[in-house]
Amino acid sequence: MRGSPGAKAYYQQIRARGTGHQAALRQLANRWIGILHGCLKTDTLYDEKAAWSHIIDRAA
């Protein structure tokens, strides 16, 4: 989360809903897996802005 502002914002949104730390980490991990699966499926490189734009926009 230190290197990804989008992941950090996603984690903070989950925690703000009252979810515990471990459950929030699991949800974040599931999100990462989905993003990486999409990259592999479409043969594209990971793009921080594309992956988390909807989260960052909502946090701003």
Protein backbone atom coordinates (compact mmCIF):
# COMPACT_ATOMS: atom_id res chain seq x y z
CA MET A 1 0.00 0.00 0.00
CA ARG A 2 2.94 2.35 0.52
CA GLY A 3 3.73 2.44 -3.19
CA SER A 4 0.17 2.61 -4.46
CA PRO A 5 -2.04 5.59 -3.61
CA GLY A 6 -5.01 3.84 -5.19
CA ALA A 7 -4.62 0.73 -3.07
CA LYS A 8 -4.22 2.87 0.04
CA ALA A 9 -7.40 4.83 -0.77
CA TYR A 10 -9.28 1.56 -1.42
CA TYR A 11 -8.10 0.12 1.90
CA GLN A 12 -9.10 3.30 3.75
CA GLN A 13 -12.57 3.24 2.16
CA ILE A 14 -13.07 -0.34 3.31
CA ARG A 15 -11.88 0.51 6.82
CA ALA A 16 -14.16 3.57 6.94
CA ARG A 17 -17.13 1.24 6.45
CA GLY A 18 -16.20 -0.47 9.71
CA THR A 19 -14.46 -3.51 8.28
CA GLY A 20 -11.60 -4.94 10.35
CA HIS A 21 -7.97 -4.80 9.28
CA GLN A 22 -7.64 -8.46 8.25
CA ALA A 23 -10.89 -8.45 6.26
CA ALA A 24 -9.89 -5.19 4.56
CA LEU A 25 -6.54 -6.70 3.57
CA ARG A 26 -8.33 -9.73 2.10
CA GLN A 27 -10.63 -7.48 0.07
CA LEU A 28 -7.64 -5.48 -1.14
CA ALA A 29 -5.81 -8.67 -2.12
CA ASN A 30 -8.88 -9.87 -4.04
CA ARG A 31 -8.99 -6.55 -5.88
CA TRP A 32 -5.28 -6.80 -6.76
CA ILE A 33 -5.81 -10.33 -8.08
CA GLY A 34 -8.68 -9.11 -10.26
CA ILE A 35 -6.58 -6.26 -11.64
CA LEU A 36 -3.60 -8.51 -12.35
CA HIS A 37 -5.84 -11.13 -13.94
CA GLY A 38 -7.21 -8.44 -16.25
CA CYS A 39 -3.66 -7.43 -17.20
CA LEU A 40 -2.76 -11.02 -18.04
CA LYS A 41 -6.00 -11.64 -19.92
CA THR A 42 -5.65 -8.54 -22.11
CA ASP A 43 -1.84 -8.74 -22.35
CA THR A 44 -1.41 -5.19 -21.03
CA LEU A 45 1.00 -3.69 -18.54
CA TYR A 46 -0.20 -2.63 -15.11
CA ASP A 47 -1.20 1.04 -14.99
CA GLU A 48 -1.76 2.55 -11.56
CA LYS A 49 -4.00 5.32 -12.87
CA ALA A 50 -6.21 2.98 -14.89
CA ALA A 51 -6.46 0.40 -12.11
CA TRP A 52 -7.49 2.75 -9.32
CA SER A 53 -8.91 5.83 -11.09
CA HIS A 54 -12.46 5.22 -9.86
CA ILE A 55 -11.23 4.87 -6.28
CA ILE A 56 -8.97 7.92 -6.37
CA ASP A 57 -11.71 10.07 -7.98
CA ARG A 58 -14.17 9.05 -5.28
CA ALA A 59 -11.68 9.82 -2.49
CA ALA A 60 -10.95 13.31 -3.83
